[in-house]
C-alpha atoms as a PDB file:
ATOM      1  CA  MET A   1       5.281  48.560 -47.345  1.00  0.00           C
ATOM      2  CA  LYS A   2       4.394  46.221 -44.343  1.00  0.00           C
ATOM      3  CA  ILE A   3       0.699  45.067 -44.164  1.00  0.00           C
ATOM      4  CA  SER A   4      -0.877  44.285 -40.804  1.00  0.00           C
ATOM      5  CA  THR A   5      -2.554  40.912 -40.189  1.00  0.00           C
ATOM      6  CA  VAL A   6      -5.944  42.733 -40.102  1.00  0.00           C
ATOM      7  CA  ASP A   7      -5.395  44.354 -43.502  1.00  0.00           C
ATOM      8  CA  PHE A   8      -4.207  41.014 -44.812  1.00  0.00           C
ATOM      9  CA  TYR A   9      -7.477  39.251 -43.750  1.00  0.00           C
ATOM     10  CA  ASN A  10      -9.576  42.178 -44.899  1.00  0.00           C
ATOM     11  CA  LYS A  11      -7.933  41.994 -48.428  1.00  0.00           C
ATOM     12  CA  ASN A  12      -7.918  38.067 -48.627  1.00  0.00           C
ATOM     13  CA  ALA A  13     -11.182  37.167 -46.614  1.00  0.00           C
ATOM     14  CA  GLN A  14     -12.748  35.451 -49.421  1.00  0.00           C
ATOM     15  CA  GLU A  15      -9.882  33.362 -50.402  1.00  0.00           C
ATOM     16  CA  PHE A  16      -9.020  32.291 -46.735  1.00  0.00           C
ATOM     17  CA  TYR A  17     -12.765  31.521 -46.405  1.00  0.00           C
ATOM     18  CA  LYS A  18     -12.854  29.480 -49.586  1.00  0.00           C
ATOM     19  CA  ASN A  19      -9.644  27.480 -48.568  1.00  0.00           C
ATOM     20  CA  THR A  20     -10.453  26.991 -45.004  1.00  0.00           C
ATOM     21  CA  ILE A  21     -14.250  26.331 -44.598  1.00  0.00           C
ATOM     22  CA  ASN A  22     -14.307  22.667 -45.457  1.00  0.00           C
ATOM     23  CA  VAL A  23     -11.261  21.698 -43.569  1.00  0.00           C
ATOM     24  CA  ASP A  24     -12.096  18.646 -41.375  1.00  0.00           C
ATOM     25  CA  MET A  25     -11.628  19.651 -37.883  1.00  0.00           C
ATOM     26  CA  SER A  26     -13.376  16.903 -36.307  1.00  0.00           C
ATOM     27  CA  GLU A  27     -10.666  15.316 -34.229  1.00  0.00           C
ATOM     28  CA  HIS A  28      -9.709  18.639 -32.784  1.00  0.00           C
ATOM     29  CA  TYR A  29     -13.184  19.396 -31.978  1.00  0.00           C
ATOM     30  CA  ARG A  30     -13.493  15.928 -30.168  1.00  0.00           C
ATOM     31  CA  ARG A  31     -10.617  16.528 -28.167  1.00  0.00           C
ATOM     32  CA  PHE A  32     -11.928  19.965 -27.026  1.00  0.00           C
ATOM     33  CA  GLU A  33     -15.476  18.702 -26.319  1.00  0.00           C
ATOM     34  CA  GLU A  34     -14.217  16.222 -23.952  1.00  0.00           C
ATOM     35  CA  TYR A  35     -13.683  18.910 -21.551  1.00  0.00           C
ATOM     36  CA  LEU A  36     -17.175  20.810 -21.955  1.00  0.00           C
ATOM     37  CA  PRO A  37     -20.066  20.190 -19.870  1.00  0.00           C
ATOM     38  CA  PRO A  38     -23.324  20.291 -21.712  1.00  0.00           C
ATOM     39  CA  GLU A  39     -24.662  23.840 -22.578  1.00  0.00           C
ATOM     40  CA  SER A  40     -21.140  25.398 -22.164  1.00  0.00           C
ATOM     41  CA  ARG A  41     -20.347  29.001 -23.025  1.00  0.00           C
ATOM     42  CA  ILE A  42     -17.651  29.426 -25.651  1.00  0.00           C
ATOM     43  CA  LEU A  43     -15.908  32.480 -26.760  1.00  0.00           C
ATOM     44  CA  ASP A  44     -14.579  32.231 -30.133  1.00  0.00           C
ATOM     45  CA  ALA A  45     -11.853  34.776 -30.138  1.00  0.00           C
ATOM     46  CA  GLY A  46     -10.498  35.276 -33.732  1.00  0.00           C
ATOM     47  CA  CYS A  47     -13.338  33.287 -35.065  1.00  0.00           C
ATOM     48  CA  GLY A  48     -12.196  33.753 -38.802  1.00  0.00           C
ATOM     49  CA  SER A  49     -14.644  32.174 -41.093  1.00  0.00           C
ATOM     50  CA  GLY A  50     -16.808  31.164 -38.410  1.00  0.00           C
ATOM     51  CA  ARG A  51     -16.229  27.494 -39.107  1.00  0.00           C
ATOM     52  CA  GLU A  52     -15.698  26.458 -35.388  1.00  0.00           C
ATOM     53  CA  SER A  53     -18.570  28.642 -34.010  1.00  0.00           C
ATOM     54  CA  LEU A  54     -20.914  26.921 -36.464  1.00  0.00           C
ATOM     55  CA  TYR A  55     -19.984  23.489 -35.546  1.00  0.00           C
ATOM     56  CA  PHE A  56     -20.264  24.364 -31.794  1.00  0.00           C
ATOM     57  CA  LEU A  57     -23.609  26.078 -32.295  1.00  0.00           C
ATOM     58  CA  THR A  58     -24.978  23.014 -33.896  1.00  0.00           C
ATOM     59  CA  LYS A  59     -24.033  20.960 -30.940  1.00  0.00           C
ATOM     60  CA  GLY A  60     -26.167  23.465 -28.622  1.00  0.00           C
ATOM     61  CA  TYR A  61     -23.303  25.339 -26.998  1.00  0.00           C
ATOM     62  CA  ASN A  62     -23.816  29.002 -26.133  1.00  0.00           C
ATOM     63  CA  LEU A  63     -21.573  30.949 -28.271  1.00  0.00           C
ATOM     64  CA  ARG A  64     -20.057  34.364 -28.721  1.00  0.00           C
ATOM     65  CA  ALA A  65     -17.577  35.326 -31.457  1.00  0.00           C
ATOM     66  CA  PHE A  66     -15.324  38.193 -32.468  1.00  0.00           C
ATOM     67  CA  ASP A  67     -12.700  38.769 -35.003  1.00  0.00           C
ATOM     68  CA  ALA A  68     -10.239  41.919 -35.648  1.00  0.00           C
ATOM     69  CA  SER A  69     -11.051  41.784 -39.486  1.00  0.00           C
ATOM     70  CA  ALA A  70     -14.187  43.445 -40.743  1.00  0.00           C
ATOM     71  CA  GLU A  71     -14.399  41.102 -43.635  1.00  0.00           C
ATOM     72  CA  MET A  72     -14.129  38.143 -41.381  1.00  0.00           C
ATOM     73  CA  VAL A  73     -16.739  39.414 -39.198  1.00  0.00           C
ATOM     74  CA  ARG A  74     -19.019  39.861 -42.164  1.00  0.00           C
ATOM     75  CA  LEU A  75     -18.328  36.180 -43.433  1.00  0.00           C
ATOM     76  CA  SER A  76     -18.648  34.637 -39.950  1.00  0.00           C
ATOM     77  CA  SER A  77     -21.978  36.367 -39.301  1.00  0.00           C
ATOM     78  CA  GLU A  78     -23.249  35.398 -42.575  1.00  0.00           C
ATOM     79  CA  LEU A  79     -22.241  31.724 -41.864  1.00  0.00           C
ATOM     80  CA  THR A  80     -23.493  31.388 -38.358  1.00  0.00           C
ATOM     81  CA  GLY A  81     -26.266  33.828 -38.048  1.00  0.00           C
ATOM     82  CA  LEU A  82     -24.551  35.161 -35.028  1.00  0.00           C
ATOM     83  CA  SER A  83     -23.989  38.880 -34.298  1.00  0.00           C
ATOM     84  CA  VAL A  84     -20.175  38.690 -34.652  1.00  0.00           C
ATOM     85  CA  LYS A  85     -18.337  41.415 -33.035  1.00  0.00           C
ATOM     86  CA  GLN A  86     -15.176  43.359 -34.262  1.00  0.00           C
ATOM     87  CA  GLY A  87     -12.571  43.772 -31.938  1.00  0.00           C
END
């Protein structure tokens, strides 16, 4: 039986979250931020754990986020305080 990507993340959300939430992404963030004017709007499509969303929120950016997995939406909403959408 083939499992869909969304089903995989719904079933493995806690493990994925635990294994990725503390990964150091600072170099990637820095390179991305070079192109952002202050107070930019960011759409975090496929936001997963919400790790990137949280980072950019703390930097003052206006952020919206969504993910296809209901479990990842729940976890990222809890982490960021955003109303992350499922889609």
